[in-house]
Amino acid sequence: MQSITLRQLRDTKQVKKWLRAGVHIEVCERREVLGDLVPRTPSKPDRTKIEWPDFEARAKAIFGDRVTTIVDDLIRDREESRY
């Protein structure tokens, strides 16, 4: 267990290094313990599978087998806006 003073607590690089290493730190002032800094136990990330909609089936339902590009749509829109 490490013991540091409030003044030494300003050195956040060292404190982060100790906490990442799993070291329990006592914070002291004039030889009196004010509190403890305790590292968290690493938690496992949530790996639940996300159910995404079937975008390909939606596009096929809307457009069928038709293949369009954005350039074709842009040209058509510009031609329609001229008149």
C-alpha atoms as a PDB file:
ATOM      1  CA  MET A   1       0.000   0.000   0.000  1.00  0.00           C
ATOM      2  CA  GLN A   2       1.326   3.426  -0.969  1.00  0.00           C
ATOM      3  CA  SER A   3       0.935   6.516   1.182  1.00  0.00           C
ATOM      4  CA  ILE A   4       0.954  10.030  -0.281  1.00  0.00           C
ATOM      5  CA  THR A   5       0.298  13.539   0.986  1.00  0.00           C
ATOM      6  CA  LEU A   6      -2.170  16.003  -0.466  1.00  0.00           C
ATOM      7  CA  ARG A   7       0.712  17.886  -2.085  1.00  0.00           C
ATOM      8  CA  GLN A   8       1.969  14.697  -3.757  1.00  0.00           C
ATOM      9  CA  LEU A   9      -1.567  13.990  -4.953  1.00  0.00           C
ATOM     10  CA  ARG A  10      -1.045  16.736  -7.537  1.00  0.00           C
ATOM     11  CA  ASP A  11       1.266  14.376  -9.430  1.00  0.00           C
ATOM     12  CA  THR A  12      -1.601  12.743 -11.270  1.00  0.00           C
ATOM     13  CA  LYS A  13       0.674  10.740 -13.578  1.00  0.00           C
ATOM     14  CA  GLN A  14       2.115   8.793 -10.662  1.00  0.00           C
ATOM     15  CA  VAL A  15      -1.288   8.334  -9.021  1.00  0.00           C
ATOM     16  CA  LYS A  16      -2.799   7.016 -12.292  1.00  0.00           C
ATOM     17  CA  LYS A  17       0.148   4.684 -12.735  1.00  0.00           C
ATOM     18  CA  TRP A  18      -0.340   3.217  -9.250  1.00  0.00           C
ATOM     19  CA  LEU A  19      -4.104   2.866  -9.648  1.00  0.00           C
ATOM     20  CA  ARG A  20      -3.722   1.124 -13.020  1.00  0.00           C
ATOM     21  CA  ALA A  21      -1.260  -1.235 -11.351  1.00  0.00           C
ATOM     22  CA  GLY A  22      -3.902  -2.046  -8.715  1.00  0.00           C
ATOM     23  CA  VAL A  23      -2.172  -0.286  -5.797  1.00  0.00           C
ATOM     24  CA  HIS A  24      -4.260   0.874  -2.823  1.00  0.00           C
ATOM     25  CA  ILE A  25      -3.238   4.459  -1.923  1.00  0.00           C
ATOM     26  CA  GLU A  26      -3.641   6.211   1.445  1.00  0.00           C
ATOM     27  CA  VAL A  27      -3.989  10.008   1.311  1.00  0.00           C
ATOM     28  CA  CYS A  28      -2.405  11.635   4.369  1.00  0.00           C
ATOM     29  CA  GLU A  29      -2.008  15.100   5.816  1.00  0.00           C
ATOM     30  CA  ARG A  30       0.434  15.625   8.700  1.00  0.00           C
ATOM     31  CA  ARG A  31       0.646  11.875   9.350  1.00  0.00           C
ATOM     32  CA  GLU A  32      -3.149  11.578   9.610  1.00  0.00           C
ATOM     33  CA  VAL A  33      -4.883   9.374   7.059  1.00  0.00           C
ATOM     34  CA  LEU A  34      -7.660  11.357   5.376  1.00  0.00           C
ATOM     35  CA  GLY A  35      -8.865   8.767   2.942  1.00  0.00           C
ATOM     36  CA  ASP A  36      -8.102   5.979   0.526  1.00  0.00           C
ATOM     37  CA  LEU A  37      -7.854   5.727  -3.219  1.00  0.00           C
ATOM     38  CA  VAL A  38      -8.818   2.237  -4.227  1.00  0.00           C
ATOM     39  CA  PRO A  39      -8.528   1.004  -7.823  1.00  0.00           C
ATOM     40  CA  ARG A  40     -11.653  -0.322  -9.450  1.00  0.00           C
ATOM     41  CA  THR A  41     -11.747  -3.895 -10.492  1.00  0.00           C
ATOM     42  CA  PRO A  42     -11.815  -4.062 -14.273  1.00  0.00           C
ATOM     43  CA  SER A  43     -15.275  -4.864 -15.514  1.00  0.00           C
ATOM     44  CA  LYS A  44     -15.901  -7.018 -18.546  1.00  0.00           C
ATOM     45  CA  PRO A  45     -17.368  -5.142 -21.499  1.00  0.00           C
ATOM     46  CA  ASP A  46     -20.942  -5.949 -22.396  1.00  0.00           C
ATOM     47  CA  ARG A  47     -20.768  -8.166 -25.476  1.00  0.00           C
ATOM     48  CA  THR A  48     -24.468  -8.600 -26.169  1.00  0.00           C
ATOM     49  CA  LYS A  49     -25.238  -9.002 -29.831  1.00  0.00           C
ATOM     50  CA  ILE A  50     -27.076  -6.106 -31.433  1.00  0.00           C
ATOM     51  CA  GLU A  51     -29.973  -7.042 -33.705  1.00  0.00           C
ATOM     52  CA  TRP A  52     -29.658  -4.819 -36.767  1.00  0.00           C
ATOM     53  CA  PRO A  53     -32.522  -4.496 -39.249  1.00  0.00           C
ATOM     54  CA  ASP A  54     -32.081  -6.225 -42.589  1.00  0.00           C
ATOM     55  CA  PHE A  55     -31.223  -3.144 -44.641  1.00  0.00           C
ATOM     56  CA  GLU A  56     -30.685  -5.157 -47.792  1.00  0.00           C
ATOM     57  CA  ALA A  57     -34.209  -6.630 -47.609  1.00  0.00           C
ATOM     58  CA  ARG A  58     -35.677  -3.168 -46.978  1.00  0.00           C
ATOM     59  CA  ALA A  59     -33.861  -1.691 -49.988  1.00  0.00           C
ATOM     60  CA  LYS A  60     -35.000  -4.579 -52.171  1.00  0.00           C
ATOM     61  CA  ALA A  61     -38.614  -4.109 -51.010  1.00  0.00           C
ATOM     62  CA  ILE A  62     -38.465  -0.396 -51.869  1.00  0.00           C
ATOM     63  CA  PHE A  63     -36.385  -0.393 -55.042  1.00  0.00           C
ATOM     64  CA  GLY A  64     -36.653  -3.978 -56.275  1.00  0.00           C
ATOM     65  CA  ASP A  65     -33.767  -5.068 -58.489  1.00  0.00           C
ATOM     66  CA  ARG A  66     -33.274  -1.560 -59.822  1.00  0.00           C
ATOM     67  CA  VAL A  67     -29.741  -0.207 -59.425  1.00  0.00           C
ATOM     68  CA  THR A  68     -29.437   3.539 -59.088  1.00  0.00           C
ATOM     69  CA  THR A  69     -26.467   5.681 -58.306  1.00  0.00           C
ATOM     70  CA  ILE A  70     -26.500   8.929 -56.464  1.00  0.00           C
ATOM     71  CA  VAL A  71     -25.065  10.701 -59.514  1.00  0.00           C
ATOM     72  CA  ASP A  72     -28.047   9.673 -61.636  1.00  0.00           C
ATOM     73  CA  ASP A  73     -30.424  10.960 -58.972  1.00  0.00           C
ATOM     74  CA  LEU A  74     -28.526  14.247 -58.696  1.00  0.00           C
ATOM     75  CA  ILE A  75     -28.573  14.828 -62.464  1.00  0.00           C
ATOM     76  CA  ARG A  76     -32.292  14.046 -62.636  1.00  0.00           C
ATOM     77  CA  ASP A  77     -33.061  16.415 -59.744  1.00  0.00           C
ATOM     78  CA  ARG A  78     -31.081  19.231 -61.342  1.00  0.00           C
ATOM     79  CA  GLU A  79     -32.852  18.736 -64.680  1.00  0.00           C
ATOM     80  CA  GLU A  80     -36.246  18.852 -62.968  1.00  0.00           C
ATOM     81  CA  SER A  81     -35.383  22.020 -61.038  1.00  0.00           C
ATOM     82  CA  ARG A  82     -34.370  23.912 -64.219  1.00  0.00           C
ATOM     83  CA  TYR A  83     -37.880  24.046 -65.609  1.00  0.00           C
END
